[in-house]
Amino acid sequence: MIERVIATDATLELIELLKSKHGPVMFHQSGGCCDGSAPMCFPDGDLIVGDQDVLLGSIGDSPFYMHKSQYDYWKHTQLIIDVIDGRGGMFSLEGVEGKRFLTRSRAFTEDEYREIQASLNV
């Protein structure tokens, strides 16, 4: 099974730290408004997920969503969630840790993309 979103080891470590402080967390790929286009981390349930949000998968046992209109542009890529030093989005939990999540990506191969499309209902 091809994963649409994965995380680096450093990201998984930071997720565990955030969960130890805040309980379960969730992610939503920001579409570029107030905090730019960055993966945003919230206490699970703090962001209302709507009918137009696509569940891409999970990282660190935490759900990762993206709005469908944004997904339409990114559907051919695998998102790789990484973490770097620095302050990111003011609404995302990792900011006070002096870290920020960052989305990297790679294009799916044709075979991977066909497999993903066959498994989707979007």
N, C-alpha and C. Protein backbone atom coordinates (compact mmCIF):
# COMPACT_ATOMS: atom_id res chain seq x y z
N MET A 1 0.84 -1.19 0.00
CA MET A 1 0.00 0.00 0.00
C MET A 1 0.88 1.25 0.00
N ILE A 2 0.60 2.14 -0.90
CA ILE A 2 1.34 3.38 -1.03
C ILE A 2 0.80 4.40 -0.02
N GLU A 3 1.67 4.99 0.76
CA GLU A 3 1.24 6.00 1.72
C GLU A 3 1.30 7.37 1.06
N ARG A 4 0.24 8.15 1.25
CA ARG A 4 0.20 9.49 0.66
C ARG A 4 0.92 10.51 1.52
N VAL A 5 1.11 10.20 2.81
CA VAL A 5 1.85 11.09 3.70
C VAL A 5 2.72 10.24 4.60
N ILE A 6 3.99 10.64 4.74
CA ILE A 6 4.94 9.96 5.61
C ILE A 6 5.69 11.01 6.42
N ALA A 7 6.44 10.58 7.43
CA ALA A 7 7.16 11.52 8.28
C ALA A 7 8.59 11.04 8.49
N THR A 8 9.50 11.99 8.64
CA THR A 8 10.88 11.66 8.96
C THR A 8 10.97 11.23 10.42
N ASP A 9 12.09 10.62 10.77
CA ASP A 9 12.30 10.21 12.17
C ASP A 9 12.25 11.41 13.11
N ALA A 10 12.85 12.53 12.69
CA ALA A 10 12.84 13.74 13.53
C ALA A 10 11.42 14.22 13.76
N THR A 11 10.58 14.12 12.73
CA THR A 11 9.18 14.52 12.86
C THR A 11 8.45 13.62 13.84
N LEU A 12 8.69 12.31 13.73
CA LEU A 12 8.03 11.38 14.64
C LEU A 12 8.44 11.62 16.09
N GLU A 13 9.70 11.97 16.31
CA GLU A 13 10.16 12.30 17.66
C GLU A 13 9.44 13.54 18.20
N LEU A 14 9.31 14.56 17.36
CA LEU A 14 8.64 15.78 17.79
C LEU A 14 7.15 15.52 18.05
N ILE A 15 6.53 14.71 17.22
CA ILE A 15 5.13 14.37 17.46
C ILE A 15 4.96 13.70 18.82
N GLU A 16 5.85 12.80 19.17
CA GLU A 16 5.77 12.13 20.47
C GLU A 16 5.93 13.14 21.61
N LEU A 17 6.83 14.09 21.46
CA LEU A 17 6.99 15.14 22.48
C LEU A 17 5.71 15.96 22.61
N LEU A 18 5.13 16.35 21.48
CA LEU A 18 3.90 17.14 21.51
C LEU A 18 2.75 16.36 22.13
N LYS A 19 2.65 15.08 21.81
CA LYS A 19 1.59 14.25 22.40
C LYS A 19 1.79 14.10 23.91
N SER A 20 3.03 14.05 24.38
CA SER A 20 3.27 13.94 25.82
C SER A 20 2.84 15.21 26.55
N LYS A 21 2.87 16.34 25.84
CA LYS A 21 2.48 17.61 26.45
C LYS A 21 1.01 17.97 26.24
N HIS A 22 0.45 17.56 25.10
CA HIS A 22 -0.88 18.03 24.71
C HIS A 22 -1.92 16.93 24.52
N GLY A 23 -1.51 15.68 24.64
CA GLY A 23 -2.41 14.58 24.34
C GLY A 23 -2.43 14.31 22.84
N PRO A 24 -3.41 13.56 22.36
CA PRO A 24 -3.47 13.24 20.92
C PRO A 24 -3.49 14.51 20.07
N VAL A 25 -2.83 14.43 18.91
CA VAL A 25 -2.76 15.58 18.00
C VAL A 25 -3.27 15.17 16.62
N MET A 26 -3.53 16.17 15.82
CA MET A 26 -3.97 15.99 14.43
C MET A 26 -3.23 17.00 13.56
N PHE A 27 -3.19 16.74 12.27
CA PHE A 27 -2.53 17.64 11.32
C PHE A 27 -3.48 18.04 10.21
N HIS A 28 -3.27 19.26 9.71
CA HIS A 28 -3.97 19.74 8.53
C HIS A 28 -2.97 20.54 7.71
N GLN A 29 -2.86 20.22 6.44
CA GLN A 29 -1.96 20.96 5.56
C GLN A 29 -2.59 22.31 5.27
N SER A 30 -1.95 23.37 5.76
CA SER A 30 -2.47 24.71 5.56
C SER A 30 -2.44 25.07 4.08
N GLY A 31 -3.43 25.83 3.67
CA GLY A 31 -3.55 26.20 2.27
C GLY A 31 -2.90 27.51 1.91
N GLY A 32 -2.22 28.16 2.85
CA GLY A 32 -1.48 29.35 2.49
C GLY A 32 -2.02 30.65 3.01
N CYS A 33 -2.97 30.64 3.93
CA CYS A 33 -3.52 31.89 4.46
C CYS A 33 -2.56 32.49 5.49
N CYS A 34 -2.96 32.51 6.73
CA CYS A 34 -2.21 33.17 7.79
C CYS A 34 -0.83 32.57 8.03
N ASP A 35 -0.71 31.26 7.93
CA ASP A 35 0.54 30.59 8.26
C ASP A 35 1.24 30.01 7.05
N GLY A 36 0.95 30.51 5.88
CA GLY A 36 1.59 29.98 4.69
C GLY A 36 1.11 28.57 4.39
N SER A 37 1.85 27.89 3.56
CA SER A 37 1.49 26.52 3.19
C SER A 37 2.36 25.57 3.99
N ALA A 38 1.89 25.23 5.19
CA ALA A 38 2.67 24.40 6.11
C ALA A 38 1.76 23.39 6.78
N PRO A 39 2.33 22.26 7.20
CA PRO A 39 1.54 21.32 7.98
C PRO A 39 1.30 21.91 9.37
N MET A 40 0.06 21.98 9.76
CA MET A 40 -0.32 22.56 11.05
C MET A 40 -0.70 21.44 12.01
N CYS A 41 -0.19 21.53 13.24
CA CYS A 41 -0.45 20.52 14.26
C CYS A 41 -1.33 21.13 15.35
N PHE A 42 -2.42 20.44 15.67
CA PHE A 42 -3.38 20.91 16.67
C PHE A 42 -3.68 19.79 17.66
N PRO A 43 -4.13 20.14 18.86
CA PRO A 43 -4.69 19.08 19.71
C PRO A 43 -5.83 18.41 18.94
N ASP A 44 -5.90 17.10 19.01
CA ASP A 44 -6.91 16.37 18.25
C ASP A 44 -8.30 16.91 18.57
N GLY A 45 -9.04 17.28 17.53
CA GLY A 45 -10.39 17.80 17.69
C GLY A 45 -10.48 19.30 17.76
N ASP A 46 -9.36 20.02 17.91
CA ASP A 46 -9.41 21.48 17.97
C ASP A 46 -9.74 22.12 16.63
N LEU A 47 -9.43 21.44 15.54
CA LEU A 47 -9.79 21.92 14.22
C LEU A 47 -10.96 21.08 13.72
N ILE A 48 -12.01 21.76 13.34
CA ILE A 48 -13.18 21.05 12.83
C ILE A 48 -12.88 20.58 11.41
N VAL A 49 -12.95 19.28 11.20
CA VAL A 49 -12.72 18.71 9.88
C VAL A 49 -14.06 18.68 9.15
N GLY A 50 -14.05 19.20 7.92
CA GLY A 50 -15.29 19.30 7.15
C GLY A 50 -15.40 18.24 6.08
N ASP A 51 -16.54 18.27 5.39
CA ASP A 51 -16.80 17.32 4.31
C ASP A 51 -15.81 17.46 3.16
N GLN A 52 -15.20 18.62 3.03
CA GLN A 52 -14.26 18.86 1.93
C GLN A 52 -12.81 18.55 2.30
N ASP A 53 -12.58 18.03 3.52
CA ASP A 53 -11.23 17.66 3.94
C ASP A 53 -10.99 16.20 3.63
N VAL A 54 -9.80 15.91 3.08
CA VAL A 54 -9.42 14.56 2.70
C VAL A 54 -8.43 14.04 3.75
N LEU A 55 -8.71 12.86 4.28
CA LEU A 55 -7.78 12.20 5.20
C LEU A 55 -6.73 11.51 4.34
N LEU A 56 -5.49 12.03 4.39
CA LEU A 56 -4.42 11.46 3.57
C LEU A 56 -3.81 10.22 4.21
N GLY A 57 -3.88 10.13 5.52
CA GLY A 57 -3.26 9.03 6.25
C GLY A 57 -2.95 9.51 7.65
N SER A 58 -1.94 8.91 8.24
CA SER A 58 -1.53 9.35 9.57
C SER A 58 -0.01 9.32 9.68
N ILE A 59 0.49 10.18 10.54
CA ILE A 59 1.91 10.19 10.88
C ILE A 59 1.99 10.19 12.40
N GLY A 60 2.82 9.32 12.94
CA GLY A 60 2.90 9.23 14.39
C GLY A 60 1.57 8.90 15.03
N ASP A 61 0.77 8.07 14.38
CA ASP A 61 -0.57 7.71 14.84
C ASP A 61 -1.49 8.93 14.98
N SER A 62 -1.23 9.95 14.19
CA SER A 62 -2.03 11.17 14.22
C SER A 62 -2.57 11.44 12.82
N PRO A 63 -3.88 11.68 12.70
CA PRO A 63 -4.47 11.88 11.37
C PRO A 63 -3.93 13.13 10.67
N PHE A 64 -3.83 13.05 9.35
CA PHE A 64 -3.31 14.15 8.54
C PHE A 64 -4.32 14.44 7.43
N TYR A 65 -4.84 15.67 7.41
CA TYR A 65 -5.89 16.09 6.47
C TYR A 65 -5.38 17.19 5.55
N MET A 66 -6.08 17.32 4.43
CA MET A 66 -5.85 18.40 3.48
C MET A 66 -7.20 18.71 2.82
N HIS A 67 -7.47 19.99 2.55
CA HIS A 67 -8.71 20.36 1.89
C HIS A 67 -8.72 19.78 0.47
N LYS A 68 -9.88 19.34 0.02
CA LYS A 68 -9.99 18.68 -1.28
C LYS A 68 -9.49 19.56 -2.43
N SER A 69 -9.78 20.84 -2.40
CA SER A 69 -9.33 21.71 -3.50
C SER A 69 -7.80 21.77 -3.55
N GLN A 70 -7.15 21.74 -2.41
CA GLN A 70 -5.69 21.72 -2.38
C GLN A 70 -5.18 20.34 -2.78
N TYR A 71 -5.87 19.30 -2.32
CA TYR A 71 -5.49 17.93 -2.68
C TYR A 71 -5.48 17.74 -4.20
N ASP A 72 -6.42 18.38 -4.89
CA ASP A 72 -6.48 18.25 -6.34
C ASP A 72 -5.16 18.67 -7.01
N TYR A 73 -4.44 19.61 -6.40
CA TYR A 73 -3.15 20.04 -6.93
C TYR A 73 -2.01 19.11 -6.50
N TRP A 74 -2.13 18.49 -5.34
CA TRP A 74 -1.05 17.70 -4.74
C TRP A 74 -1.26 16.20 -4.90
N LYS A 75 -2.33 15.75 -5.51
CA LYS A 75 -2.68 14.33 -5.51
C LYS A 75 -1.65 13.44 -6.19
N HIS A 76 -0.80 14.00 -7.01
CA HIS A 76 0.22 13.21 -7.70
C HIS A 76 1.52 13.09 -6.89
N THR A 77 1.51 13.60 -5.65
CA THR A 77 2.74 13.60 -4.85
C THR A 77 2.54 12.92 -3.51
N GLN A 78 3.63 12.38 -3.00
CA GLN A 78 3.66 11.88 -1.64
C GLN A 78 4.21 13.01 -0.78
N LEU A 79 3.49 13.33 0.29
CA LEU A 79 3.95 14.36 1.21
C LEU A 79 4.90 13.73 2.22
N ILE A 80 6.03 14.38 2.44
CA ILE A 80 7.02 13.93 3.40
C ILE A 80 7.13 15.04 4.44
N ILE A 81 6.62 14.77 5.63
CA ILE A 81 6.60 15.80 6.67
C ILE A 81 7.91 15.73 7.44
N ASP A 82 8.61 16.85 7.45
CA ASP A 82 9.90 16.97 8.09
C ASP A 82 9.82 18.06 9.15
N VAL A 83 10.86 18.21 9.92
CA VAL A 83 10.91 19.27 10.93
C VAL A 83 12.27 19.96 10.83
N ILE A 84 12.26 21.27 10.99
CA ILE A 84 13.49 22.05 10.96
C ILE A 84 13.47 23.01 12.13
N ASP A 85 14.63 23.56 12.46
CA ASP A 85 14.72 24.57 13.50
C ASP A 85 14.09 25.86 13.02
N GLY A 86 13.48 26.59 13.93
CA GLY A 86 12.88 27.87 13.60
C GLY A 86 11.41 27.90 13.96
N ARG A 87 10.89 29.07 13.97
CA ARG A 87 9.48 29.25 14.29
C ARG A 87 8.65 29.20 13.03
N GLY A 88 7.58 28.44 13.11
CA GLY A 88 6.69 28.32 11.98
C GLY A 88 5.39 29.03 12.24
N GLY A 89 4.30 28.37 11.93
CA GLY A 89 2.98 28.94 12.08
C GLY A 89 2.62 29.22 13.53
N MET A 90 2.05 30.36 13.76
CA MET A 90 1.72 30.73 15.14
C MET A 90 0.60 29.90 15.73
N PHE A 91 -0.15 29.19 14.90
CA PHE A 91 -1.25 28.39 15.41
C PHE A 91 -0.87 26.94 15.64
N SER A 92 0.28 26.53 15.16
CA SER A 92 0.70 25.13 15.23
C SER A 92 1.47 24.86 16.52
N LEU A 93 1.22 23.71 17.12
CA LEU A 93 1.76 23.38 18.45
C LEU A 93 3.28 23.38 18.55
N GLU A 94 3.98 23.06 17.48
CA GLU A 94 5.43 22.91 17.59
C GLU A 94 6.18 24.23 17.72
N GLY A 95 5.53 25.36 17.45
CA GLY A 95 6.20 26.65 17.46
C GLY A 95 6.92 26.98 18.75
N VAL A 96 6.34 26.65 19.88
CA VAL A 96 6.97 26.96 21.16
C VAL A 96 8.18 26.08 21.44
N GLU A 97 8.36 25.03 20.66
CA GLU A 97 9.51 24.14 20.81
C GLU A 97 10.72 24.63 20.00
N GLY A 98 10.55 25.76 19.29
CA GLY A 98 11.63 26.27 18.45
C GLY A 98 11.82 25.46 17.18
N LYS A 99 10.78 24.75 16.78
CA LYS A 99 10.81 23.90 15.59
C LYS A 99 9.62 24.26 14.72
N ARG A 100 9.68 23.81 13.49
CA ARG A 100 8.51 23.94 12.62
C ARG A 100 8.45 22.77 11.66
N PHE A 101 7.23 22.34 11.41
CA PHE A 101 7.02 21.28 10.45
C PHE A 101 7.13 21.85 9.04
N LEU A 102 7.59 21.03 8.13
CA LEU A 102 7.81 21.45 6.75
C LEU A 102 7.37 20.31 5.84
N THR A 103 6.67 20.63 4.77
CA THR A 103 6.24 19.62 3.81
C THR A 103 7.21 19.57 2.65
N ARG A 104 7.75 18.39 2.44
CA ARG A 104 8.54 18.11 1.25
C ARG A 104 7.66 17.15 0.42
N SER A 105 8.01 16.93 -0.82
CA SER A 105 7.19 16.02 -1.60
C SER A 105 8.02 15.34 -2.67
N ARG A 106 7.47 14.27 -3.17
CA ARG A 106 8.04 13.60 -4.34
C ARG A 106 6.88 13.14 -5.21
N ALA A 107 7.08 13.17 -6.50
CA ALA A 107 6.04 12.73 -7.42
C ALA A 107 5.92 11.20 -7.37
N PHE A 108 4.68 10.73 -7.35
CA PHE A 108 4.45 9.30 -7.44
C PHE A 108 4.86 8.80 -8.82
N THR A 109 5.29 7.55 -8.88
CA THR A 109 5.49 6.93 -10.19
C THR A 109 4.10 6.71 -10.80
N GLU A 110 4.05 6.44 -12.08
CA GLU A 110 2.76 6.20 -12.73
C GLU A 110 2.03 5.02 -12.08
N ASP A 111 2.76 3.95 -11.77
CA ASP A 111 2.14 2.78 -11.14
C ASP A 111 1.62 3.12 -9.74
N GLU A 112 2.40 3.87 -8.96
CA GLU A 112 1.96 4.27 -7.62
C GLU A 112 0.71 5.13 -7.71
N TYR A 113 0.69 6.07 -8.64
CA TYR A 113 -0.46 6.96 -8.77
C TYR A 113 -1.72 6.19 -9.17
N ARG A 114 -1.59 5.24 -10.08
CA ARG A 114 -2.74 4.41 -10.47
C ARG A 114 -3.26 3.62 -9.26
N GLU A 115 -2.34 3.09 -8.45
CA GLU A 115 -2.76 2.34 -7.26
C GLU A 115 -3.50 3.24 -6.28
N ILE A 116 -2.99 4.43 -6.08
CA ILE A 116 -3.64 5.39 -5.18
C ILE A 116 -5.02 5.77 -5.71
N GLN A 117 -5.11 6.10 -6.95
CA GLN A 117 -6.40 6.50 -7.53
C GLN A 117 -7.43 5.37 -7.42
N ALA A 118 -6.99 4.16 -7.61
CA ALA A 118 -7.91 3.01 -7.52
C ALA A 118 -8.47 2.83 -6.11
N SER A 119 -7.73 3.30 -5.11
CA SER A 119 -8.17 3.11 -3.71
C SER A 119 -8.95 4.29 -3.16
N LEU A 120 -9.11 5.36 -3.94
CA LEU A 120 -9.74 6.60 -3.45
C LEU A 120 -11.20 6.71 -3.85
N ASN A 121 -11.88 7.50 -3.05
CA ASN A 121 -13.26 7.89 -3.37
C ASN A 121 -13.36 9.39 -3.45
N VAL A 122 -12.31 10.07 -3.92
CA VAL A 122 -12.34 11.53 -4.04
C VAL A 122 -12.26 11.94 -5.49
